[in-house]
Amino acid sequence: MIRMEKAKKLLIATSLSIGEISVQCGYGDYRVFTKAFKKAEGCTPSQYRRDFYEE
């Protein structure tokens, strides 16, 4: 839960790549991070970022 909150903040506030964000949130592999993010939030990290900026 804490990792996902940090990831969401980084997705919105920075232009870091998904891979860089996954490492900063404690995931060794961005694919594992993407799968966990999608399970928790219902969308991929890139969709989350895109949706935020389209609002």
Protein backbone atom coordinates (compact mmCIF):
# COMPACT_ATOMS: atom_id res chain seq x y z
CA MET A 1 0.00 0.00 0.00
CA ILE A 2 2.79 2.44 0.94
CA ARG A 3 4.75 1.49 -2.18
CA MET A 4 1.74 2.22 -4.38
CA GLU A 5 1.18 5.63 -2.78
CA LYS A 6 4.82 6.52 -3.39
CA ALA A 7 4.56 5.26 -6.97
CA LYS A 8 1.46 7.36 -7.64
CA LYS A 9 3.18 10.47 -6.30
CA LEU A 10 6.25 9.83 -8.46
CA LEU A 11 4.14 9.16 -11.56
CA ILE A 12 2.41 12.51 -11.18
CA ALA A 13 5.23 14.69 -9.86
CA THR A 14 8.17 13.46 -11.96
CA SER A 15 9.02 12.46 -15.50
CA LEU A 16 10.91 9.36 -14.36
CA SER A 17 10.43 6.22 -16.42
CA ILE A 18 8.26 3.40 -15.09
CA GLY A 19 11.43 1.33 -14.60
CA GLU A 20 13.07 4.03 -12.50
CA ILE A 21 9.93 4.46 -10.39
CA SER A 22 9.69 0.72 -9.83
CA VAL A 23 13.25 0.62 -8.48
CA GLN A 24 12.61 3.61 -6.19
CA CYS A 25 9.52 1.84 -4.83
CA GLY A 26 11.44 -1.33 -4.03
CA TYR A 27 10.63 -3.51 -7.02
CA GLY A 28 13.54 -5.18 -8.80
CA ASP A 29 11.62 -5.74 -12.02
CA TYR A 30 9.33 -3.19 -13.66
CA ARG A 31 7.06 -5.99 -14.94
CA VAL A 32 6.36 -7.14 -11.38
CA PHE A 33 5.74 -3.52 -10.40
CA THR A 34 3.35 -2.99 -13.32
CA LYS A 35 1.40 -6.13 -12.43
CA ALA A 36 1.16 -5.12 -8.75
CA PHE A 37 0.16 -1.56 -9.68
CA LYS A 38 -2.56 -2.79 -12.02
CA LYS A 39 -3.92 -5.13 -9.36
CA ALA A 40 -3.99 -2.34 -6.76
CA GLU A 41 -5.19 0.56 -8.92
CA GLY A 42 -7.04 -1.07 -11.81
CA CYS A 43 -4.80 0.41 -14.49
CA THR A 44 -1.17 0.34 -15.54
CA PRO A 45 1.27 3.01 -14.30
CA SER A 46 1.46 4.59 -17.75
CA GLN A 47 -2.36 4.71 -18.00
CA TYR A 48 -2.51 6.28 -14.53
CA ARG A 49 -0.03 8.99 -15.56
CA ARG A 50 -1.79 9.63 -18.87
CA ASP A 51 -5.24 9.81 -17.26
CA PHE A 52 -3.98 12.27 -14.64
CA TYR A 53 -2.65 14.68 -17.23
CA GLU A 54 -5.74 14.42 -19.45
CA GLU A 55 -8.02 15.71 -16.67
